[in-house]
C-alpha atoms as a PDB file:
ATOM      1  CA  MET A   1      10.056  -6.416 -27.570  1.00  0.00           C
ATOM      2  CA  THR A   2      13.037  -6.281 -25.195  1.00  0.00           C
ATOM      3  CA  ILE A   3      12.889  -7.365 -21.570  1.00  0.00           C
ATOM      4  CA  LEU A   4      12.942  -3.694 -20.527  1.00  0.00           C
ATOM      5  CA  ASP A   5       9.955  -3.010 -22.762  1.00  0.00           C
ATOM      6  CA  GLU A   6       8.131  -5.947 -21.158  1.00  0.00           C
ATOM      7  CA  VAL A   7       8.919  -4.654 -17.665  1.00  0.00           C
ATOM      8  CA  GLY A   8       7.675  -1.199 -18.635  1.00  0.00           C
ATOM      9  CA  VAL A   9       4.409  -2.636 -19.941  1.00  0.00           C
ATOM     10  CA  SER A  10       3.959  -4.670 -16.750  1.00  0.00           C
ATOM     11  CA  ILE A  11       4.535  -1.632 -14.534  1.00  0.00           C
ATOM     12  CA  ARG A  12       2.063   0.450 -16.565  1.00  0.00           C
ATOM     13  CA  GLN A  13      -0.556  -2.307 -16.317  1.00  0.00           C
ATOM     14  CA  LEU A  14      -0.024  -2.580 -12.562  1.00  0.00           C
ATOM     15  CA  ALA A  15      -0.367   1.187 -12.084  1.00  0.00           C
ATOM     16  CA  GLU A  16      -3.481   1.369 -14.271  1.00  0.00           C
ATOM     17  CA  GLY A  17      -5.027  -1.563 -12.428  1.00  0.00           C
ATOM     18  CA  ALA A  18      -4.449   0.057  -9.039  1.00  0.00           C
ATOM     19  CA  GLY A  19      -6.461   3.123 -10.087  1.00  0.00           C
ATOM     20  CA  THR A  20      -8.630   4.505  -7.318  1.00  0.00           C
ATOM     21  CA  SER A  21      -7.294   2.010  -4.759  1.00  0.00           C
ATOM     22  CA  VAL A  22      -4.142   4.108  -4.259  1.00  0.00           C
ATOM     23  CA  VAL A  23      -4.464   6.902  -1.699  1.00  0.00           C
ATOM     24  CA  GLY A  24      -2.309   9.699  -0.336  1.00  0.00           C
ATOM     25  CA  ILE A  25      -1.323   9.719   3.303  1.00  0.00           C
ATOM     26  CA  GLY A  26      -0.576  13.152   4.680  1.00  0.00           C
ATOM     27  CA  GLN A  27      -0.142  15.117   7.835  1.00  0.00           C
ATOM     28  CA  ARG A  28       1.974  17.979   8.994  1.00  0.00           C
ATOM     29  CA  TRP A  29       5.116  15.779   9.170  1.00  0.00           C
ATOM     30  CA  GLY A  30       5.041  14.692   5.561  1.00  0.00           C
ATOM     31  CA  ALA A  31       3.238  12.602   3.016  1.00  0.00           C
ATOM     32  CA  GLY A  32       3.220   9.091   1.633  1.00  0.00           C
ATOM     33  CA  SER A  33       0.902   6.675  -0.097  1.00  0.00           C
ATOM     34  CA  GLY A  34      -1.149   3.622   0.715  1.00  0.00           C
ATOM     35  CA  ILE A  35      -3.704   1.245  -0.738  1.00  0.00           C
ATOM     36  CA  VAL A  36      -7.288   0.400   0.124  1.00  0.00           C
ATOM     37  CA  LEU A  37      -6.939  -2.946   1.856  1.00  0.00           C
ATOM     38  CA  GLY A  38     -10.652  -3.516   2.352  1.00  0.00           C
ATOM     39  CA  GLU A  39     -13.784  -1.623   3.312  1.00  0.00           C
ATOM     40  CA  GLY A  40     -12.720   0.983   5.862  1.00  0.00           C
ATOM     41  CA  GLN A  41      -9.027   0.025   5.911  1.00  0.00           C
ATOM     42  CA  ILE A  42      -5.873   1.443   4.334  1.00  0.00           C
ATOM     43  CA  LEU A  43      -2.469  -0.294   4.271  1.00  0.00           C
ATOM     44  CA  THR A  44       0.557   2.002   4.301  1.00  0.00           C
ATOM     45  CA  ASN A  45       4.116   2.124   5.576  1.00  0.00           C
ATOM     46  CA  ALA A  46       4.508   2.757   9.299  1.00  0.00           C
ATOM     47  CA  HIS A  47       6.930   5.595   8.604  1.00  0.00           C
ATOM     48  CA  ASN A  48       4.038   7.472   6.913  1.00  0.00           C
ATOM     49  CA  VAL A  49       2.062   7.803  10.141  1.00  0.00           C
ATOM     50  CA  ARG A  50       2.869   9.592  13.358  1.00  0.00           C
ATOM     51  CA  GLY A  51       0.464   9.804  16.235  1.00  0.00           C
ATOM     52  CA  ASP A  52      -2.957   8.207  16.141  1.00  0.00           C
ATOM     53  CA  GLN A  53      -4.734  10.328  13.500  1.00  0.00           C
ATOM     54  CA  VAL A  54      -3.935  10.749   9.806  1.00  0.00           C
ATOM     55  CA  THR A  55      -5.459  12.457   6.761  1.00  0.00           C
ATOM     56  CA  VAL A  56      -6.185  10.218   3.769  1.00  0.00           C
ATOM     57  CA  THR A  57      -6.643  11.723   0.281  1.00  0.00           C
ATOM     58  CA  PHE A  58      -8.491   9.625  -2.287  1.00  0.00           C
ATOM     59  CA  ALA A  59      -7.969   9.660  -6.069  1.00  0.00           C
ATOM     60  CA  ASP A  60     -11.102  11.788  -6.547  1.00  0.00           C
ATOM     61  CA  GLY A  61      -9.645  14.474  -4.239  1.00  0.00           C
ATOM     62  CA  ARG A  62     -11.846  13.654  -1.251  1.00  0.00           C
ATOM     63  CA  THR A  63     -10.105  13.689   2.130  1.00  0.00           C
ATOM     64  CA  ALA A  64     -11.044  11.872   5.319  1.00  0.00           C
ATOM     65  CA  GLU A  65      -9.567  11.680   8.788  1.00  0.00           C
ATOM     66  CA  GLY A  66      -8.551   8.203   9.853  1.00  0.00           C
ATOM     67  CA  SER A  67      -7.133   6.550  12.934  1.00  0.00           C
ATOM     68  CA  VAL A  68      -4.180   4.200  13.141  1.00  0.00           C
ATOM     69  CA  ALA A  69      -5.542   0.734  13.930  1.00  0.00           C
ATOM     70  CA  ALA A  70      -2.222  -1.134  13.931  1.00  0.00           C
ATOM     71  CA  ARG A  71       1.437  -0.355  13.424  1.00  0.00           C
ATOM     72  CA  ASP A  72       4.451  -2.655  12.979  1.00  0.00           C
ATOM     73  CA  ILE A  73       7.561  -0.513  13.172  1.00  0.00           C
ATOM     74  CA  ASP A  74       9.956  -3.382  12.368  1.00  0.00           C
ATOM     75  CA  GLY A  75       7.932  -4.469   9.322  1.00  0.00           C
ATOM     76  CA  ASP A  76       7.244  -0.818   8.392  1.00  0.00           C
ATOM     77  CA  LEU A  77       3.520  -1.485   7.957  1.00  0.00           C
ATOM     78  CA  ALA A  78       0.481   0.313   9.325  1.00  0.00           C
ATOM     79  CA  VAL A  79      -3.284  -0.101   8.962  1.00  0.00           C
ATOM     80  CA  ILE A  80      -5.546   2.952   9.074  1.00  0.00           C
ATOM     81  CA  ASN A  81      -9.271   2.808   9.799  1.00  0.00           C
ATOM     82  CA  VAL A  82     -11.087   5.385   7.656  1.00  0.00           C
ATOM     83  CA  ASP A  83     -14.328   5.765   5.712  1.00  0.00           C
ATOM     84  CA  THR A  84     -13.218   4.560   2.274  1.00  0.00           C
ATOM     85  CA  GLY A  85     -16.517   5.618   0.720  1.00  0.00           C
ATOM     86  CA  GLY A  86     -16.900   2.490  -1.386  1.00  0.00           C
ATOM     87  CA  VAL A  87     -13.482   2.719  -3.036  1.00  0.00           C
ATOM     88  CA  PRO A  88     -12.581  -0.823  -4.127  1.00  0.00           C
ATOM     89  CA  ALA A  89      -9.757  -2.695  -2.439  1.00  0.00           C
ATOM     90  CA  LEU A  90      -6.636  -3.378  -4.449  1.00  0.00           C
ATOM     91  CA  PRO A  91      -6.865  -7.004  -5.607  1.00  0.00           C
ATOM     92  CA  TRP A  92      -4.221  -9.322  -4.181  1.00  0.00           C
ATOM     93  CA  ALA A  93      -2.379 -11.968  -6.125  1.00  0.00           C
ATOM     94  CA  ARG A  94      -1.633 -15.360  -4.650  1.00  0.00           C
ATOM     95  CA  ALA A  95       1.823 -15.336  -3.130  1.00  0.00           C
ATOM     96  CA  ARG A  96       4.342 -18.006  -3.988  1.00  0.00           C
ATOM     97  CA  PRO A  97       5.531 -20.010  -0.999  1.00  0.00           C
ATOM     98  CA  ARG A  98       8.613 -18.626   0.689  1.00  0.00           C
ATOM     99  CA  ARG A  99      11.842 -20.388  -0.068  1.00  0.00           C
ATOM    100  CA  SER A 100      13.382 -22.319   2.777  1.00  0.00           C
ATOM    101  CA  GLY A 101      15.714 -20.111   4.766  1.00  0.00           C
ATOM    102  CA  CYS A 102      14.342 -16.824   3.414  1.00  0.00           C
ATOM    103  CA  ARG A 103      14.618 -14.295   6.211  1.00  0.00           C
ATOM    104  CA  TYR A 104      12.470 -11.613   4.598  1.00  0.00           C
ATOM    105  CA  SER A 105       8.798 -10.899   5.076  1.00  0.00           C
ATOM    106  CA  PRO A 106       6.358 -12.832   2.850  1.00  0.00           C
ATOM    107  CA  TRP A 107       4.224  -9.668   2.434  1.00  0.00           C
ATOM    108  CA  PRO A 108       4.065  -8.499  -1.199  1.00  0.00           C
ATOM    109  CA  THR A 109       5.088  -4.958  -0.276  1.00  0.00           C
ATOM    110  CA  ARG A 110       8.538  -4.903  -1.828  1.00  0.00           C
ATOM    111  CA  ALA A 111       9.801  -4.376  -5.326  1.00  0.00           C
ATOM    112  CA  GLY A 112      12.524  -6.663  -6.512  1.00  0.00           C
ATOM    113  CA  ALA A 113      13.588 -10.125  -5.464  1.00  0.00           C
ATOM    114  CA  GLY A 114      13.594 -10.125  -1.684  1.00  0.00           C
ATOM    115  CA  CYS A 115      15.059 -13.627  -1.432  1.00  0.00           C
ATOM    116  CA  GLY A 116      17.362 -13.505  -4.432  1.00  0.00           C
END
């Protein structure tokens, strides 16, 4: 198996593991995605939300109106309070410690090697 095959398998496993924890974020300005962070909370990118209310679409097709609980424009993160209806939170992996001098966020919300 080549390294590209291994990466492909890893990405497929990650996507399959996320399952119902991935949600759609939509409103009249556009659409994006997010993850169930915990009971009643969705983590998404700040650029996906405008205003204080947002529509969340779950994997089963159910929609719910949520409110923006927190927004960090510089970090491009937002938390939405919404009835998640028992959808499980996406499990988090333990983060490796940041390398000394790394100027990037320690949040595991990026693909690639943020610190090289």
